[in-house]
Amino acid sequence: MSQCYEEIFHGESVIRHAPGTRHEEICARLHEFVAASLVKLSTARLLAPRSVVQMGSGTLVRPDLALVTAATGKPWLLGEIMDSEDHHTDTVVKKAFYEEMKLPRLWMIDPRYDNVEIYHGTEYGLALKNILAQREVLSESLLPGLQISIAELFGL
């Protein structure tokens, strides 16, 4: 199990509790698949789980998955694995902030229901594009080699 960690939203510190075992297993599988899809792609870089990502003045987040552009280091795809004991920060606070920052892609990964919500940034904010579960496959047009079975992601 990992350690507690801090995130800062508009200058206000939030201490997040250490993720549980299942969370970390899902995170490891997610990183493995995404890293494999980046082998021939030099325009993006995958950060280590919960790396600090600055999202504007006074805001530092630590997403479970962060893909940044290689040229600028700006995040374009973030993934948050929700924790049943601490989901408010991910599902409400961070999601609203990502929308405000015009994040291009967001994956909300929910082990409670074994599903993944896919959001795309639009001129009006984040738009829910799909909810994937069971035998469906997570893919991303900007990562041509990415194909993750939802069942495999969740270890089902």
C-alpha atoms as a PDB file:
ATOM      1  CA  MET A   1       0.000   0.000   0.000  1.00  0.00           C
ATOM      2  CA  SER A   2       1.213   3.501  -0.758  1.00  0.00           C
ATOM      3  CA  GLN A   3       1.395   6.607   1.426  1.00  0.00           C
ATOM      4  CA  CYS A   4      -0.998   9.466   2.146  1.00  0.00           C
ATOM      5  CA  TYR A   5      -0.392  12.430  -0.124  1.00  0.00           C
ATOM      6  CA  GLU A   6      -1.278  16.098  -0.503  1.00  0.00           C
ATOM      7  CA  GLU A   7      -3.095  17.902  -3.296  1.00  0.00           C
ATOM      8  CA  ILE A   8      -3.629  21.654  -3.440  1.00  0.00           C
ATOM      9  CA  PHE A   9      -6.709  23.296  -4.977  1.00  0.00           C
ATOM     10  CA  HIS A  10      -6.665  27.083  -5.389  1.00  0.00           C
ATOM     11  CA  GLY A  11      -4.091  27.279  -2.565  1.00  0.00           C
ATOM     12  CA  GLU A  12      -6.049  25.015  -0.203  1.00  0.00           C
ATOM     13  CA  SER A  13      -4.348  21.782   0.913  1.00  0.00           C
ATOM     14  CA  VAL A  14      -6.234  18.473   0.877  1.00  0.00           C
ATOM     15  CA  ILE A  15      -4.633  15.379   2.415  1.00  0.00           C
ATOM     16  CA  ARG A  16      -5.651  12.211   0.569  1.00  0.00           C
ATOM     17  CA  HIS A  17      -5.461   8.856   2.298  1.00  0.00           C
ATOM     18  CA  ALA A  18      -3.318   6.053   0.941  1.00  0.00           C
ATOM     19  CA  PRO A  19      -4.971   4.063  -1.856  1.00  0.00           C
ATOM     20  CA  GLY A  20      -5.923   0.465  -1.124  1.00  0.00           C
ATOM     21  CA  THR A  21      -4.581  -2.724  -2.677  1.00  0.00           C
ATOM     22  CA  ARG A  22      -7.210  -3.072  -5.434  1.00  0.00           C
ATOM     23  CA  HIS A  23      -6.765   0.576  -6.396  1.00  0.00           C
ATOM     24  CA  GLU A  24      -3.024   0.049  -6.769  1.00  0.00           C
ATOM     25  CA  GLU A  25      -3.490  -3.151  -8.807  1.00  0.00           C
ATOM     26  CA  ILE A  26      -5.815  -1.343 -11.226  1.00  0.00           C
ATOM     27  CA  CYS A  27      -3.384   1.572 -11.413  1.00  0.00           C
ATOM     28  CA  ALA A  28      -0.476  -0.755 -12.229  1.00  0.00           C
ATOM     29  CA  ARG A  29      -2.436  -2.511 -15.003  1.00  0.00           C
ATOM     30  CA  LEU A  30      -3.586   0.838 -16.429  1.00  0.00           C
ATOM     31  CA  HIS A  31      -0.013   2.142 -16.542  1.00  0.00           C
ATOM     32  CA  GLU A  32       1.232  -1.068 -18.141  1.00  0.00           C
ATOM     33  CA  PHE A  33      -1.286  -0.842 -20.999  1.00  0.00           C
ATOM     34  CA  VAL A  34      -0.840   2.890 -21.574  1.00  0.00           C
ATOM     35  CA  ALA A  35       2.977   2.631 -21.488  1.00  0.00           C
ATOM     36  CA  ALA A  36       2.843  -0.155 -24.104  1.00  0.00           C
ATOM     37  CA  SER A  37       0.713   2.066 -26.369  1.00  0.00           C
ATOM     38  CA  LEU A  38       3.314   4.871 -26.174  1.00  0.00           C
ATOM     39  CA  VAL A  39       6.265   2.849 -27.482  1.00  0.00           C
ATOM     40  CA  LYS A  40       5.971   4.316 -31.002  1.00  0.00           C
ATOM     41  CA  LEU A  41       4.497   7.655 -29.965  1.00  0.00           C
ATOM     42  CA  SER A  42       7.007  10.404 -29.221  1.00  0.00           C
ATOM     43  CA  THR A  43       4.505  13.244 -28.736  1.00  0.00           C
ATOM     44  CA  ALA A  44       3.314  12.143 -25.284  1.00  0.00           C
ATOM     45  CA  ARG A  45       4.923  11.182 -22.005  1.00  0.00           C
ATOM     46  CA  LEU A  46       3.441   9.031 -19.236  1.00  0.00           C
ATOM     47  CA  LEU A  47       4.160  10.229 -15.705  1.00  0.00           C
ATOM     48  CA  ALA A  48       4.538   7.887 -12.746  1.00  0.00           C
ATOM     49  CA  PRO A  49       1.354   7.267 -10.729  1.00  0.00           C
ATOM     50  CA  ARG A  50       0.387  10.266  -8.589  1.00  0.00           C
ATOM     51  CA  SER A  51       3.150  12.485  -9.951  1.00  0.00           C
ATOM     52  CA  VAL A  52       2.606  16.133  -9.118  1.00  0.00           C
ATOM     53  CA  VAL A  53       0.923  17.980 -11.990  1.00  0.00           C
ATOM     54  CA  GLN A  54       0.579  21.758 -11.791  1.00  0.00           C
ATOM     55  CA  MET A  55      -2.809  22.816 -13.133  1.00  0.00           C
ATOM     56  CA  GLY A  56      -2.545  26.571 -12.765  1.00  0.00           C
ATOM     57  CA  SER A  57      -1.557  28.931 -10.030  1.00  0.00           C
ATOM     58  CA  GLY A  58      -2.014  27.425  -6.581  1.00  0.00           C
ATOM     59  CA  THR A  59      -3.240  24.029  -7.788  1.00  0.00           C
ATOM     60  CA  LEU A  60      -1.202  20.830  -7.695  1.00  0.00           C
ATOM     61  CA  VAL A  61      -2.961  17.535  -8.374  1.00  0.00           C
ATOM     62  CA  ARG A  62      -1.662  13.978  -8.237  1.00  0.00           C
ATOM     63  CA  PRO A  63      -3.749  11.921 -10.678  1.00  0.00           C
ATOM     64  CA  ASP A  64      -3.409   8.152 -10.878  1.00  0.00           C
ATOM     65  CA  LEU A  65      -2.681   8.471 -14.600  1.00  0.00           C
ATOM     66  CA  ALA A  66      -1.184  11.502 -16.323  1.00  0.00           C
ATOM     67  CA  LEU A  67      -0.250  11.806 -19.972  1.00  0.00           C
ATOM     68  CA  VAL A  68       1.443  15.052 -20.893  1.00  0.00           C
ATOM     69  CA  THR A  69       2.583  16.445 -24.210  1.00  0.00           C
ATOM     70  CA  ALA A  70       6.296  15.833 -24.716  1.00  0.00           C
ATOM     71  CA  ALA A  71       6.886  19.360 -26.027  1.00  0.00           C
ATOM     72  CA  THR A  72       5.180  21.379 -23.280  1.00  0.00           C
ATOM     73  CA  GLY A  73       4.579  19.003 -20.368  1.00  0.00           C
ATOM     74  CA  LYS A  74       0.930  20.090 -20.365  1.00  0.00           C
ATOM     75  CA  PRO A  75      -1.531  17.337 -19.349  1.00  0.00           C
ATOM     76  CA  TRP A  76      -3.932  16.163 -22.045  1.00  0.00           C
ATOM     77  CA  LEU A  77      -5.256  12.935 -20.519  1.00  0.00           C
ATOM     78  CA  LEU A  78      -5.720  12.324 -16.817  1.00  0.00           C
ATOM     79  CA  GLY A  79      -7.143   9.248 -15.135  1.00  0.00           C
ATOM     80  CA  GLU A  80      -8.581   9.101 -11.639  1.00  0.00           C
ATOM     81  CA  ILE A  81      -9.249   5.773  -9.923  1.00  0.00           C
ATOM     82  CA  MET A  82     -11.996   6.443  -7.416  1.00  0.00           C
ATOM     83  CA  ASP A  83     -11.853   5.207  -3.864  1.00  0.00           C
ATOM     84  CA  SER A  84     -15.142   4.326  -2.175  1.00  0.00           C
ATOM     85  CA  GLU A  85     -13.959   5.983   1.058  1.00  0.00           C
ATOM     86  CA  ASP A  86     -12.598   9.141  -0.590  1.00  0.00           C
ATOM     87  CA  HIS A  87     -14.432   9.620  -3.889  1.00  0.00           C
ATOM     88  CA  HIS A  88     -15.801  13.165  -3.379  1.00  0.00           C
ATOM     89  CA  THR A  89     -12.478  14.841  -4.151  1.00  0.00           C
ATOM     90  CA  ASP A  90     -12.106  12.913  -7.443  1.00  0.00           C
ATOM     91  CA  THR A  91     -15.722  12.959  -8.615  1.00  0.00           C
ATOM     92  CA  VAL A  92     -16.649  16.497  -7.626  1.00  0.00           C
ATOM     93  CA  VAL A  93     -13.683  18.734  -6.767  1.00  0.00           C
ATOM     94  CA  LYS A  94     -11.092  17.506  -9.246  1.00  0.00           C
ATOM     95  CA  LYS A  95     -13.552  16.836 -12.059  1.00  0.00           C
ATOM     96  CA  ALA A  96     -14.889  20.404 -11.793  1.00  0.00           C
ATOM     97  CA  PHE A  97     -11.354  21.749 -11.729  1.00  0.00           C
ATOM     98  CA  TYR A  98     -10.321  19.687 -14.784  1.00  0.00           C
ATOM     99  CA  GLU A  99     -13.348  21.075 -16.590  1.00  0.00           C
ATOM    100  CA  GLU A 100     -12.375  24.625 -15.602  1.00  0.00           C
ATOM    101  CA  MET A 101      -8.830  24.007 -16.895  1.00  0.00           C
ATOM    102  CA  LYS A 102     -10.208  22.692 -20.224  1.00  0.00           C
ATOM    103  CA  LEU A 103      -8.562  19.282 -19.929  1.00  0.00           C
ATOM    104  CA  PRO A 104      -8.877  17.480 -23.296  1.00  0.00           C
ATOM    105  CA  ARG A 105      -9.458  13.960 -21.889  1.00  0.00           C
ATOM    106  CA  LEU A 106     -10.478  12.521 -18.516  1.00  0.00           C
ATOM    107  CA  TRP A 107     -11.017   8.911 -17.473  1.00  0.00           C
ATOM    108  CA  MET A 108     -12.928   8.321 -14.232  1.00  0.00           C
ATOM    109  CA  ILE A 109     -12.213   4.719 -13.247  1.00  0.00           C
ATOM    110  CA  ASP A 110     -14.647   3.335 -10.696  1.00  0.00           C
ATOM    111  CA  PRO A 111     -13.761   0.039  -8.964  1.00  0.00           C
ATOM    112  CA  ARG A 112     -17.051   0.155  -7.045  1.00  0.00           C
ATOM    113  CA  TYR A 113     -18.943  -0.588 -10.276  1.00  0.00           C
ATOM    114  CA  ASP A 114     -16.054  -1.849 -12.432  1.00  0.00           C
ATOM    115  CA  ASN A 115     -16.630   0.802 -15.068  1.00  0.00           C
ATOM    116  CA  VAL A 116     -14.806   3.668 -16.759  1.00  0.00           C
ATOM    117  CA  GLU A 117     -16.382   7.005 -17.666  1.00  0.00           C
ATOM    118  CA  ILE A 118     -14.760   8.698 -20.667  1.00  0.00           C
ATOM    119  CA  TYR A 119     -14.929  12.499 -20.859  1.00  0.00           C
ATOM    120  CA  HIS A 120     -13.790  14.739 -23.711  1.00  0.00           C
ATOM    121  CA  GLY A 121     -13.158  18.422 -23.301  1.00  0.00           C
ATOM    122  CA  THR A 122     -15.423  20.652 -25.368  1.00  0.00           C
ATOM    123  CA  GLU A 123     -15.897  24.409 -25.602  1.00  0.00           C
ATOM    124  CA  TYR A 124     -18.684  23.966 -23.027  1.00  0.00           C
ATOM    125  CA  GLY A 125     -16.699  21.823 -20.574  1.00  0.00           C
ATOM    126  CA  LEU A 126     -16.233  18.085 -20.101  1.00  0.00           C
ATOM    127  CA  ALA A 127     -18.720  15.952 -22.002  1.00  0.00           C
ATOM    128  CA  LEU A 128     -19.411  12.335 -21.048  1.00  0.00           C
ATOM    129  CA  LYS A 129     -18.713  10.336 -24.208  1.00  0.00           C
ATOM    130  CA  ASN A 130     -19.058   6.780 -22.936  1.00  0.00           C
ATOM    131  CA  ILE A 131     -19.323   4.511 -19.928  1.00  0.00           C
ATOM    132  CA  LEU A 132     -17.466   1.239 -20.432  1.00  0.00           C
ATOM    133  CA  ALA A 133     -17.982  -1.959 -18.445  1.00  0.00           C
ATOM    134  CA  GLN A 134     -17.591  -5.742 -18.579  1.00  0.00           C
ATOM    135  CA  ARG A 135     -16.482  -6.932 -22.041  1.00  0.00           C
ATOM    136  CA  GLU A 136     -16.092  -3.498 -23.585  1.00  0.00           C
ATOM    137  CA  VAL A 137     -12.697  -2.120 -24.574  1.00  0.00           C
ATOM    138  CA  LEU A 138     -11.108   1.173 -23.566  1.00  0.00           C
ATOM    139  CA  SER A 139      -9.351   2.863 -26.465  1.00  0.00           C
ATOM    140  CA  GLU A 140      -8.285   6.399 -27.308  1.00  0.00           C
ATOM    141  CA  SER A 141      -7.961   7.814 -30.822  1.00  0.00           C
ATOM    142  CA  LEU A 142      -4.917   9.837 -29.750  1.00  0.00           C
ATOM    143  CA  LEU A 143      -3.223   6.609 -28.584  1.00  0.00           C
ATOM    144  CA  PRO A 144      -3.621   4.346 -31.626  1.00  0.00           C
ATOM    145  CA  GLY A 145      -2.134   1.251 -29.958  1.00  0.00           C
ATOM    146  CA  LEU A 146      -4.294   1.373 -26.831  1.00  0.00           C
ATOM    147  CA  GLN A 147      -6.812  -1.431 -26.327  1.00  0.00           C
ATOM    148  CA  ILE A 148      -7.706  -2.312 -22.717  1.00  0.00           C
ATOM    149  CA  SER A 149     -10.379  -4.842 -21.908  1.00  0.00           C
ATOM    150  CA  ILE A 150     -12.411  -3.430 -19.027  1.00  0.00           C
ATOM    151  CA  ALA A 151     -12.578  -6.896 -17.435  1.00  0.00           C
ATOM    152  CA  GLU A 152      -8.783  -7.178 -17.607  1.00  0.00           C
ATOM    153  CA  LEU A 153      -8.279  -3.647 -16.264  1.00  0.00           C
ATOM    154  CA  PHE A 154     -10.346  -4.501 -13.187  1.00  0.00           C
ATOM    155  CA  GLY A 155      -8.862  -7.992 -12.817  1.00  0.00           C
ATOM    156  CA  LEU A 156     -12.191  -9.736 -13.405  1.00  0.00           C
END
